[in-house]
N, C-alpha and C. Protein backbone atom coordinates (compact mmCIF):
# COMPACT_ATOMS: atom_id res chain seq x y z
N MET A 1 -8.25 14.32 -57.68
CA MET A 1 -7.47 14.22 -56.46
C MET A 1 -7.38 15.61 -55.82
N THR A 2 -7.43 15.66 -54.51
CA THR A 2 -7.36 16.95 -53.82
C THR A 2 -6.00 17.10 -53.17
N SER A 3 -5.62 18.34 -53.00
CA SER A 3 -4.36 18.58 -52.31
C SER A 3 -4.60 18.53 -50.81
N PRO A 4 -3.56 18.38 -50.00
CA PRO A 4 -3.74 18.31 -48.56
C PRO A 4 -4.37 19.56 -47.97
N THR A 5 -4.29 20.68 -48.66
CA THR A 5 -4.82 21.92 -48.09
C THR A 5 -6.24 22.23 -48.54
N THR A 6 -6.78 21.45 -49.46
CA THR A 6 -8.15 21.70 -49.89
C THR A 6 -9.01 20.50 -49.56
N SER A 7 -10.30 20.74 -49.42
CA SER A 7 -11.21 19.64 -49.14
C SER A 7 -11.94 19.28 -50.41
N PRO A 8 -12.40 18.05 -50.51
CA PRO A 8 -13.10 17.65 -51.73
C PRO A 8 -14.39 18.45 -51.87
N THR A 9 -14.76 18.71 -53.11
CA THR A 9 -15.99 19.44 -53.39
C THR A 9 -17.13 18.44 -53.47
N PRO A 10 -18.21 18.65 -52.64
CA PRO A 10 -19.31 17.70 -52.70
C PRO A 10 -20.02 17.81 -54.03
N SER A 11 -20.55 16.70 -54.50
CA SER A 11 -21.29 16.74 -55.76
C SER A 11 -22.61 17.47 -55.53
N PRO A 12 -23.13 18.16 -56.53
CA PRO A 12 -24.36 18.93 -56.36
C PRO A 12 -25.55 18.05 -55.99
N SER A 13 -25.51 16.77 -56.31
CA SER A 13 -26.66 15.91 -56.03
C SER A 13 -26.67 15.35 -54.61
N SER A 14 -25.53 15.40 -53.89
CA SER A 14 -25.53 14.86 -52.53
C SER A 14 -25.24 15.98 -51.54
N PRO A 15 -26.07 16.08 -50.49
CA PRO A 15 -25.82 17.13 -49.49
C PRO A 15 -24.56 16.80 -48.69
N ASP A 16 -23.91 17.84 -48.23
CA ASP A 16 -22.70 17.68 -47.41
C ASP A 16 -23.14 17.26 -46.00
N PRO A 17 -22.82 16.03 -45.59
CA PRO A 17 -23.24 15.61 -44.25
C PRO A 17 -22.46 16.37 -43.18
N ALA A 18 -23.15 16.65 -42.08
CA ALA A 18 -22.49 17.33 -40.97
C ALA A 18 -21.51 16.35 -40.34
N PRO A 19 -20.31 16.82 -40.05
CA PRO A 19 -19.33 15.91 -39.44
C PRO A 19 -19.78 15.51 -38.03
N ALA A 20 -19.48 14.28 -37.66
CA ALA A 20 -19.81 13.81 -36.32
C ALA A 20 -18.90 14.53 -35.33
N PRO A 21 -19.45 14.94 -34.19
CA PRO A 21 -18.61 15.63 -33.21
C PRO A 21 -17.58 14.68 -32.62
N ILE A 22 -16.39 15.18 -32.44
CA ILE A 22 -15.33 14.38 -31.82
C ILE A 22 -15.58 14.29 -30.32
N VAL A 23 -16.00 15.39 -29.73
CA VAL A 23 -16.30 15.45 -28.31
C VAL A 23 -17.79 15.72 -28.16
N PRO A 24 -18.50 14.94 -27.32
CA PRO A 24 -19.93 15.19 -27.15
C PRO A 24 -20.19 16.59 -26.61
N ARG A 25 -21.35 17.13 -26.91
CA ARG A 25 -21.74 18.45 -26.38
C ARG A 25 -22.24 18.25 -24.96
N PHE A 26 -21.61 18.93 -24.03
CA PHE A 26 -22.02 18.81 -22.64
C PHE A 26 -22.72 20.06 -22.14
N ASP A 27 -22.96 21.02 -23.02
CA ASP A 27 -23.71 22.20 -22.61
C ASP A 27 -25.20 22.03 -22.86
N ASP A 28 -25.59 20.89 -23.38
CA ASP A 28 -26.98 20.59 -23.69
C ASP A 28 -27.57 19.81 -22.52
N ASP A 29 -28.63 20.33 -21.92
CA ASP A 29 -29.25 19.66 -20.78
C ASP A 29 -29.85 18.31 -21.14
N GLU A 30 -30.08 18.07 -22.41
CA GLU A 30 -30.66 16.81 -22.86
C GLU A 30 -29.61 15.70 -22.96
N THR A 31 -28.34 16.04 -22.86
CA THR A 31 -27.27 15.05 -22.98
C THR A 31 -27.20 14.23 -21.70
N ASP A 32 -27.24 12.91 -21.83
CA ASP A 32 -27.05 12.04 -20.68
C ASP A 32 -25.56 11.85 -20.49
N ARG A 33 -25.01 12.57 -19.52
CA ARG A 33 -23.57 12.51 -19.31
C ARG A 33 -23.21 11.31 -18.45
N LYS A 34 -22.07 10.72 -18.77
CA LYS A 34 -21.50 9.62 -18.01
C LYS A 34 -20.01 9.88 -17.86
N LEU A 35 -19.49 9.49 -16.71
CA LEU A 35 -18.06 9.59 -16.48
C LEU A 35 -17.57 8.23 -15.99
N ALA A 36 -16.54 7.71 -16.62
CA ALA A 36 -15.91 6.46 -16.22
C ALA A 36 -14.49 6.77 -15.77
N ILE A 37 -14.21 6.46 -14.51
CA ILE A 37 -12.89 6.74 -13.94
C ILE A 37 -12.20 5.41 -13.65
N ILE A 38 -11.03 5.22 -14.23
CA ILE A 38 -10.26 4.01 -13.97
C ILE A 38 -9.21 4.35 -12.92
N CYS A 39 -9.32 3.72 -11.76
CA CYS A 39 -8.41 3.96 -10.64
C CYS A 39 -7.38 2.84 -10.62
N SER A 40 -6.14 3.15 -11.03
CA SER A 40 -5.11 2.12 -11.18
C SER A 40 -4.00 2.22 -10.15
N LYS A 41 -4.06 3.21 -9.28
CA LYS A 41 -2.98 3.41 -8.31
C LYS A 41 -3.56 3.43 -6.90
N GLY A 42 -2.85 2.81 -5.97
CA GLY A 42 -3.36 2.69 -4.62
C GLY A 42 -2.59 3.46 -3.58
N ASN A 43 -1.67 4.31 -4.00
CA ASN A 43 -0.99 5.12 -2.99
C ASN A 43 -1.88 6.32 -2.66
N LEU A 44 -1.69 6.86 -1.48
CA LEU A 44 -2.58 7.88 -0.93
C LEU A 44 -2.75 9.08 -1.85
N ASP A 45 -1.66 9.59 -2.40
CA ASP A 45 -1.76 10.79 -3.23
C ASP A 45 -2.45 10.54 -4.56
N MET A 46 -2.49 9.29 -5.02
CA MET A 46 -3.15 8.99 -6.29
C MET A 46 -4.56 8.44 -6.10
N ALA A 47 -4.96 8.19 -4.87
CA ALA A 47 -6.33 7.74 -4.61
C ALA A 47 -7.30 8.92 -4.71
N TYR A 48 -6.88 10.06 -4.23
CA TYR A 48 -7.80 11.21 -4.14
C TYR A 48 -8.22 11.83 -5.46
N PRO A 49 -7.39 11.94 -6.48
CA PRO A 49 -7.86 12.60 -7.71
C PRO A 49 -9.13 11.98 -8.29
N GLY A 50 -9.18 10.66 -8.39
CA GLY A 50 -10.38 10.01 -8.93
C GLY A 50 -11.59 10.20 -8.05
N LEU A 51 -11.38 10.16 -6.73
CA LEU A 51 -12.49 10.34 -5.80
C LEU A 51 -13.03 11.76 -5.85
N ILE A 52 -12.14 12.72 -5.91
CA ILE A 52 -12.57 14.13 -5.96
C ILE A 52 -13.33 14.42 -7.25
N ILE A 53 -12.80 13.96 -8.37
CA ILE A 53 -13.47 14.20 -9.65
C ILE A 53 -14.79 13.44 -9.70
N GLY A 54 -14.81 12.20 -9.23
CA GLY A 54 -16.04 11.43 -9.20
C GLY A 54 -17.11 12.09 -8.34
N ASN A 55 -16.72 12.58 -7.19
CA ASN A 55 -17.65 13.26 -6.30
C ASN A 55 -18.19 14.54 -6.94
N ALA A 56 -17.31 15.28 -7.60
CA ALA A 56 -17.74 16.51 -8.28
C ALA A 56 -18.72 16.19 -9.40
N ALA A 57 -18.45 15.12 -10.15
CA ALA A 57 -19.35 14.72 -11.25
C ALA A 57 -20.72 14.36 -10.70
N LEU A 58 -20.76 13.61 -9.61
CA LEU A 58 -22.04 13.25 -9.01
C LEU A 58 -22.80 14.49 -8.55
N GLY A 59 -22.07 15.47 -8.03
CA GLY A 59 -22.70 16.72 -7.62
C GLY A 59 -23.33 17.48 -8.78
N GLU A 60 -22.83 17.23 -9.99
CA GLU A 60 -23.38 17.86 -11.20
C GLU A 60 -24.43 16.97 -11.87
N GLY A 61 -24.79 15.87 -11.23
CA GLY A 61 -25.80 14.98 -11.79
C GLY A 61 -25.30 14.05 -12.87
N ILE A 62 -24.01 13.84 -12.93
CA ILE A 62 -23.41 12.99 -13.97
C ILE A 62 -23.33 11.55 -13.46
N GLU A 63 -23.81 10.61 -14.26
CA GLU A 63 -23.69 9.20 -13.92
C GLU A 63 -22.20 8.86 -13.84
N THR A 64 -21.77 8.30 -12.71
CA THR A 64 -20.34 8.11 -12.45
C THR A 64 -20.03 6.67 -12.08
N HIS A 65 -19.02 6.11 -12.75
CA HIS A 65 -18.57 4.74 -12.51
C HIS A 65 -17.07 4.77 -12.24
N LEU A 66 -16.63 4.11 -11.16
CA LEU A 66 -15.21 3.97 -10.86
C LEU A 66 -14.83 2.50 -11.02
N PHE A 67 -13.77 2.25 -11.78
CA PHE A 67 -13.29 0.89 -12.07
C PHE A 67 -11.91 0.76 -11.45
N PHE A 68 -11.76 -0.14 -10.49
CA PHE A 68 -10.51 -0.30 -9.76
C PHE A 68 -9.72 -1.46 -10.35
N THR A 69 -8.48 -1.18 -10.71
CA THR A 69 -7.63 -2.18 -11.33
C THR A 69 -6.21 -2.08 -10.77
N PHE A 70 -5.47 -3.15 -10.86
CA PHE A 70 -4.10 -3.24 -10.36
C PHE A 70 -4.00 -2.66 -8.96
N TRP A 71 -3.09 -1.73 -8.70
CA TRP A 71 -2.88 -1.26 -7.33
C TRP A 71 -4.03 -0.38 -6.85
N GLY A 72 -4.88 0.05 -7.75
CA GLY A 72 -6.09 0.77 -7.35
C GLY A 72 -7.00 -0.10 -6.48
N PHE A 73 -6.80 -1.42 -6.55
CA PHE A 73 -7.57 -2.34 -5.69
C PHE A 73 -7.36 -2.02 -4.22
N ASP A 74 -6.19 -1.47 -3.86
CA ASP A 74 -5.94 -1.14 -2.46
C ASP A 74 -7.01 -0.21 -1.90
N MET A 75 -7.65 0.55 -2.75
CA MET A 75 -8.69 1.49 -2.31
C MET A 75 -9.98 0.77 -1.91
N ILE A 76 -10.20 -0.46 -2.40
CA ILE A 76 -11.46 -1.16 -2.14
C ILE A 76 -11.29 -2.50 -1.42
N VAL A 77 -10.05 -2.92 -1.18
CA VAL A 77 -9.81 -4.16 -0.42
C VAL A 77 -9.93 -3.82 1.06
N LYS A 78 -10.84 -4.50 1.75
CA LYS A 78 -11.14 -4.18 3.15
C LYS A 78 -9.89 -4.13 4.02
N SER A 79 -8.97 -5.05 3.83
CA SER A 79 -7.79 -5.13 4.70
C SER A 79 -6.76 -4.04 4.41
N ARG A 80 -6.88 -3.32 3.29
CA ARG A 80 -5.87 -2.32 2.93
C ARG A 80 -6.41 -0.90 2.78
N MET A 81 -7.71 -0.74 2.56
CA MET A 81 -8.24 0.56 2.18
C MET A 81 -8.06 1.64 3.24
N GLY A 82 -7.91 1.27 4.49
CA GLY A 82 -7.71 2.27 5.53
C GLY A 82 -6.26 2.58 5.80
N ASP A 83 -5.36 1.97 5.05
CA ASP A 83 -3.93 2.12 5.32
C ASP A 83 -3.14 2.46 4.06
N LEU A 84 -3.70 3.33 3.22
CA LEU A 84 -2.96 3.76 2.02
C LEU A 84 -1.81 4.65 2.46
N ARG A 85 -0.72 4.57 1.74
CA ARG A 85 0.48 5.32 2.12
C ARG A 85 0.93 6.25 1.00
N PHE A 86 1.79 7.16 1.39
CA PHE A 86 2.37 8.13 0.46
C PHE A 86 3.87 8.07 0.63
N SER A 87 4.58 7.76 -0.46
CA SER A 87 6.03 7.65 -0.39
C SER A 87 6.70 8.68 -1.30
N PRO A 88 7.63 9.44 -0.75
CA PRO A 88 8.38 10.38 -1.58
C PRO A 88 9.51 9.70 -2.37
N ALA A 89 9.77 8.43 -2.11
CA ALA A 89 10.88 7.73 -2.78
C ALA A 89 10.67 7.69 -4.28
N GLY A 90 11.67 8.09 -5.02
CA GLY A 90 11.64 8.03 -6.47
C GLY A 90 10.78 9.08 -7.15
N ASN A 91 10.27 10.02 -6.40
CA ASN A 91 9.42 11.06 -6.98
C ASN A 91 10.26 12.32 -7.16
N ALA A 92 10.70 12.56 -8.37
CA ALA A 92 11.58 13.70 -8.64
C ALA A 92 10.90 15.04 -8.39
N ALA A 93 9.59 15.07 -8.45
CA ALA A 93 8.85 16.32 -8.23
C ALA A 93 8.46 16.49 -6.76
N MET A 94 8.87 15.57 -5.91
CA MET A 94 8.44 15.59 -4.52
C MET A 94 8.96 16.81 -3.78
N HIS A 95 8.06 17.44 -3.12
CA HIS A 95 8.41 18.51 -2.19
C HIS A 95 7.38 18.47 -1.08
N LEU A 96 7.75 18.97 0.06
CA LEU A 96 6.78 19.06 1.14
C LEU A 96 5.69 20.02 0.71
N PRO A 97 4.46 19.71 1.03
CA PRO A 97 3.39 20.63 0.64
C PRO A 97 3.37 21.87 1.52
N VAL A 98 4.54 22.40 1.76
CA VAL A 98 4.71 23.61 2.54
C VAL A 98 5.57 24.55 1.71
N ARG A 99 5.26 25.78 1.71
CA ARG A 99 5.92 26.78 0.89
C ARG A 99 7.45 26.72 0.98
N ASP A 100 8.08 26.61 -0.16
CA ASP A 100 9.54 26.71 -0.32
C ASP A 100 10.36 25.70 0.48
N MET A 101 9.76 24.61 0.92
CA MET A 101 10.54 23.57 1.60
C MET A 101 10.66 22.39 0.65
N HIS A 102 11.85 21.92 0.39
CA HIS A 102 12.06 20.80 -0.51
C HIS A 102 12.75 19.66 0.23
N LEU A 103 12.39 18.45 -0.15
CA LEU A 103 13.04 17.27 0.42
C LEU A 103 14.28 16.94 -0.38
N PRO A 104 15.30 16.45 0.26
CA PRO A 104 16.43 15.93 -0.52
C PRO A 104 15.97 14.69 -1.26
N GLN A 105 16.65 14.33 -2.32
CA GLN A 105 16.25 13.17 -3.11
C GLN A 105 16.59 11.85 -2.42
N THR A 106 17.34 11.89 -1.34
CA THR A 106 17.55 10.67 -0.57
C THR A 106 16.44 10.59 0.46
N VAL A 107 15.97 9.39 0.72
CA VAL A 107 14.84 9.22 1.61
C VAL A 107 15.26 8.32 2.77
N ALA A 108 15.04 8.81 3.97
CA ALA A 108 15.34 8.03 5.16
C ALA A 108 14.29 6.93 5.31
N PRO A 109 14.62 5.85 6.03
CA PRO A 109 13.67 4.74 6.16
C PRO A 109 12.29 5.13 6.70
N ALA A 110 12.20 6.09 7.55
CA ALA A 110 10.91 6.46 8.15
C ALA A 110 10.16 7.52 7.36
N MET A 111 10.69 7.93 6.21
CA MET A 111 10.06 9.03 5.46
C MET A 111 8.66 8.70 4.97
N THR A 112 8.40 7.45 4.58
CA THR A 112 7.06 7.11 4.10
C THR A 112 6.03 7.34 5.19
N GLY A 113 6.33 6.89 6.39
CA GLY A 113 5.40 7.09 7.51
C GLY A 113 5.19 8.56 7.80
N LEU A 114 6.27 9.33 7.82
CA LEU A 114 6.18 10.76 8.08
C LEU A 114 5.41 11.47 6.97
N ALA A 115 5.74 11.17 5.73
CA ALA A 115 5.06 11.80 4.60
C ALA A 115 3.58 11.44 4.59
N THR A 116 3.25 10.20 4.91
CA THR A 116 1.85 9.77 4.96
C THR A 116 1.10 10.52 6.04
N ARG A 117 1.67 10.62 7.22
CA ARG A 117 1.01 11.36 8.32
C ARG A 117 0.81 12.82 7.96
N MET A 118 1.82 13.44 7.35
CA MET A 118 1.70 14.85 6.97
C MET A 118 0.60 15.06 5.94
N LEU A 119 0.56 14.19 4.93
CA LEU A 119 -0.45 14.33 3.89
C LEU A 119 -1.85 14.09 4.45
N LYS A 120 -2.01 13.07 5.29
CA LYS A 120 -3.32 12.80 5.90
C LYS A 120 -3.77 13.98 6.75
N LYS A 121 -2.84 14.58 7.47
CA LYS A 121 -3.17 15.73 8.32
C LYS A 121 -3.65 16.90 7.46
N GLN A 122 -2.95 17.18 6.39
CA GLN A 122 -3.35 18.30 5.52
C GLN A 122 -4.69 18.03 4.85
N ILE A 123 -4.92 16.80 4.43
CA ILE A 123 -6.20 16.45 3.81
C ILE A 123 -7.33 16.63 4.82
N ALA A 124 -7.11 16.17 6.05
CA ALA A 124 -8.13 16.31 7.10
C ALA A 124 -8.40 17.78 7.41
N GLU A 125 -7.36 18.60 7.43
CA GLU A 125 -7.53 20.04 7.70
C GLU A 125 -8.39 20.72 6.63
N LEU A 126 -8.41 20.16 5.43
CA LEU A 126 -9.24 20.71 4.35
C LEU A 126 -10.67 20.19 4.42
N GLY A 127 -10.94 19.29 5.36
CA GLY A 127 -12.28 18.73 5.50
C GLY A 127 -12.59 17.64 4.49
N VAL A 128 -11.57 17.09 3.86
CA VAL A 128 -11.76 16.01 2.88
C VAL A 128 -11.75 14.69 3.65
N PRO A 129 -12.74 13.83 3.41
CA PRO A 129 -12.79 12.57 4.16
C PRO A 129 -11.66 11.62 3.77
N GLU A 130 -11.37 10.67 4.66
CA GLU A 130 -10.41 9.62 4.34
C GLU A 130 -11.00 8.74 3.25
N VAL A 131 -10.16 7.97 2.58
CA VAL A 131 -10.58 7.20 1.40
C VAL A 131 -11.82 6.33 1.66
N PRO A 132 -11.88 5.50 2.72
CA PRO A 132 -13.09 4.68 2.91
C PRO A 132 -14.35 5.53 3.08
N ASP A 133 -14.24 6.63 3.82
CA ASP A 133 -15.40 7.51 4.01
C ASP A 133 -15.78 8.22 2.71
N PHE A 134 -14.78 8.57 1.91
CA PHE A 134 -15.04 9.23 0.62
C PHE A 134 -15.79 8.26 -0.30
N LEU A 135 -15.39 6.99 -0.30
CA LEU A 135 -16.08 6.00 -1.11
C LEU A 135 -17.52 5.81 -0.63
N ASP A 136 -17.73 5.85 0.70
CA ASP A 136 -19.10 5.80 1.23
C ASP A 136 -19.93 6.96 0.68
N GLN A 137 -19.34 8.14 0.69
CA GLN A 137 -20.01 9.34 0.20
C GLN A 137 -20.36 9.21 -1.28
N ILE A 138 -19.44 8.68 -2.06
CA ILE A 138 -19.66 8.52 -3.50
C ILE A 138 -20.80 7.54 -3.77
N THR A 139 -20.80 6.40 -3.08
CA THR A 139 -21.88 5.44 -3.33
C THR A 139 -23.21 5.96 -2.80
N ALA A 140 -23.20 6.68 -1.69
CA ALA A 140 -24.44 7.26 -1.17
C ALA A 140 -25.02 8.30 -2.13
N SER A 141 -24.16 8.89 -2.95
CA SER A 141 -24.60 9.89 -3.94
C SER A 141 -24.97 9.25 -5.27
N GLY A 142 -24.91 7.93 -5.36
CA GLY A 142 -25.30 7.24 -6.59
C GLY A 142 -24.16 6.78 -7.46
N GLY A 143 -22.93 6.93 -7.01
CA GLY A 143 -21.78 6.46 -7.78
C GLY A 143 -21.70 4.94 -7.77
N HIS A 144 -21.07 4.39 -8.79
CA HIS A 144 -20.95 2.94 -8.94
C HIS A 144 -19.48 2.53 -8.84
N LEU A 145 -19.21 1.49 -8.05
CA LEU A 145 -17.86 0.97 -7.87
C LEU A 145 -17.78 -0.42 -8.50
N TRP A 146 -16.74 -0.63 -9.32
CA TRP A 146 -16.54 -1.90 -10.01
C TRP A 146 -15.10 -2.35 -9.82
N ALA A 147 -14.89 -3.66 -9.74
CA ALA A 147 -13.55 -4.22 -9.61
C ALA A 147 -13.18 -4.97 -10.88
N CYS A 148 -11.92 -4.86 -11.27
CA CYS A 148 -11.41 -5.51 -12.49
C CYS A 148 -11.19 -7.01 -12.26
N LYS A 149 -11.78 -7.82 -13.10
CA LYS A 149 -11.68 -9.28 -12.96
C LYS A 149 -10.24 -9.77 -13.10
N MET A 150 -9.51 -9.27 -14.08
CA MET A 150 -8.14 -9.73 -14.27
C MET A 150 -7.29 -9.41 -13.03
N SER A 151 -7.44 -8.21 -12.49
CA SER A 151 -6.68 -7.84 -11.29
C SER A 151 -7.09 -8.70 -10.10
N ALA A 152 -8.39 -8.94 -9.95
CA ALA A 152 -8.86 -9.79 -8.85
C ALA A 152 -8.28 -11.20 -8.98
N ASP A 153 -8.28 -11.72 -10.19
CA ASP A 153 -7.72 -13.06 -10.41
C ASP A 153 -6.23 -13.09 -10.11
N MET A 154 -5.49 -12.07 -10.57
CA MET A 154 -4.04 -12.01 -10.32
C MET A 154 -3.73 -11.96 -8.83
N MET A 155 -4.54 -11.21 -8.09
CA MET A 155 -4.30 -11.02 -6.66
C MET A 155 -5.03 -12.05 -5.81
N ARG A 156 -5.73 -12.97 -6.49
CA ARG A 156 -6.50 -14.02 -5.81
C ARG A 156 -7.49 -13.43 -4.81
N LEU A 157 -8.22 -12.42 -5.26
CA LEU A 157 -9.22 -11.76 -4.42
C LEU A 157 -10.62 -12.13 -4.89
N THR A 158 -11.54 -12.18 -3.96
CA THR A 158 -12.94 -12.44 -4.28
C THR A 158 -13.78 -11.26 -3.78
N GLU A 159 -15.06 -11.29 -4.10
CA GLU A 159 -15.95 -10.22 -3.64
C GLU A 159 -15.94 -10.10 -2.12
N ALA A 160 -15.70 -11.21 -1.41
CA ALA A 160 -15.66 -11.19 0.05
C ALA A 160 -14.51 -10.32 0.58
N ASP A 161 -13.46 -10.14 -0.22
CA ASP A 161 -12.31 -9.32 0.18
C ASP A 161 -12.56 -7.83 -0.01
N LEU A 162 -13.60 -7.50 -0.76
CA LEU A 162 -13.83 -6.11 -1.17
C LEU A 162 -14.91 -5.44 -0.31
N ARG A 163 -14.93 -4.13 -0.40
CA ARG A 163 -16.00 -3.35 0.24
C ARG A 163 -17.35 -3.91 -0.21
N GLU A 164 -18.32 -3.82 0.67
CA GLU A 164 -19.65 -4.34 0.35
C GLU A 164 -20.33 -3.58 -0.77
N ASP A 165 -19.96 -2.32 -0.99
CA ASP A 165 -20.65 -1.51 -2.01
C ASP A 165 -20.02 -1.63 -3.40
N VAL A 166 -19.01 -2.49 -3.55
CA VAL A 166 -18.51 -2.78 -4.90
C VAL A 166 -19.58 -3.64 -5.57
N GLU A 167 -20.07 -3.18 -6.71
CA GLU A 167 -21.22 -3.82 -7.35
C GLU A 167 -20.88 -5.13 -8.04
N GLY A 168 -19.62 -5.35 -8.32
CA GLY A 168 -19.24 -6.61 -8.93
C GLY A 168 -17.82 -6.60 -9.43
N ILE A 169 -17.33 -7.79 -9.69
CA ILE A 169 -16.02 -7.98 -10.33
C ILE A 169 -16.33 -8.26 -11.80
N ILE A 170 -15.90 -7.35 -12.67
CA ILE A 170 -16.26 -7.45 -14.09
C ILE A 170 -15.02 -7.32 -14.97
N THR A 171 -15.15 -7.77 -16.19
CA THR A 171 -14.04 -7.66 -17.14
C THR A 171 -13.96 -6.24 -17.69
N ALA A 172 -12.84 -5.92 -18.28
CA ALA A 172 -12.67 -4.60 -18.90
C ALA A 172 -13.71 -4.41 -20.01
N THR A 173 -13.98 -5.45 -20.75
CA THR A 173 -14.98 -5.37 -21.82
C THR A 173 -16.36 -5.05 -21.25
N GLU A 174 -16.72 -5.70 -20.16
CA GLU A 174 -18.01 -5.43 -19.52
C GLU A 174 -18.08 -3.98 -19.04
N PHE A 175 -16.96 -3.47 -18.50
CA PHE A 175 -16.95 -2.08 -18.04
C PHE A 175 -17.13 -1.12 -19.21
N ILE A 176 -16.48 -1.39 -20.32
CA ILE A 176 -16.61 -0.53 -21.50
C ILE A 176 -18.04 -0.56 -22.01
N GLU A 177 -18.66 -1.73 -22.04
CA GLU A 177 -20.05 -1.83 -22.48
C GLU A 177 -20.98 -1.09 -21.52
N LEU A 178 -20.74 -1.24 -20.23
CA LEU A 178 -21.55 -0.61 -19.19
C LEU A 178 -21.48 0.91 -19.26
N THR A 179 -20.32 1.43 -19.64
CA THR A 179 -20.11 2.88 -19.63
C THR A 179 -20.04 3.45 -21.04
N GLY A 180 -20.68 2.79 -21.98
CA GLY A 180 -20.66 3.26 -23.37
C GLY A 180 -21.03 4.73 -23.49
N GLY A 181 -20.24 5.47 -24.24
CA GLY A 181 -20.47 6.90 -24.45
C GLY A 181 -19.95 7.79 -23.34
N ALA A 182 -19.34 7.21 -22.32
CA ALA A 182 -18.85 8.00 -21.18
C ALA A 182 -17.54 8.71 -21.51
N GLN A 183 -17.32 9.82 -20.81
CA GLN A 183 -15.98 10.41 -20.80
C GLN A 183 -15.13 9.46 -19.96
N LEU A 184 -13.90 9.23 -20.37
CA LEU A 184 -13.04 8.27 -19.69
C LEU A 184 -11.84 8.99 -19.10
N LEU A 185 -11.57 8.70 -17.84
CA LEU A 185 -10.44 9.29 -17.14
C LEU A 185 -9.64 8.16 -16.52
N PHE A 186 -8.35 8.07 -16.86
CA PHE A 186 -7.47 7.02 -16.35
C PHE A 186 -6.51 7.64 -15.36
N ILE A 187 -6.56 7.16 -14.12
CA ILE A 187 -5.67 7.69 -13.08
C ILE A 187 -4.86 6.55 -12.52
């Protein structure tokens, strides 16, 4: 028996096998990198992180798949994708994206509209495309868009309700099989 601080001694007749890496090596040009991004939120401020990272991955030649589930569907549903909103309500970390200006924790009825307009303006000033245009850019660069079957069933949505470049409505199991070996990012 070994103590917790010592490792077992290999027998002289069997070579010590190299441990399997926990994280794949990404500094090797021979590695086929894949990135799987699960987009689960449809508010404006949470739509961009997955799109920005996905776009950056494609720029590095990484095979990239985005899987939209639950409220993330708002990013790919034709009737909603152009009208994502940003609400400061209930966000304890909320502050105006302006130096040293903080919002009170009470939110007036029109704050969502104002906050959405301010955020969209700042994003546009940085030259970042709006969500539908960003998704166009991602698919034009070879990115893959997938919709979650369970979420589609819950929301009674069909492929006709989604952007044309969504490659299919698939189960979570199918997505995992499709993106086997990928780095996974849940947003």
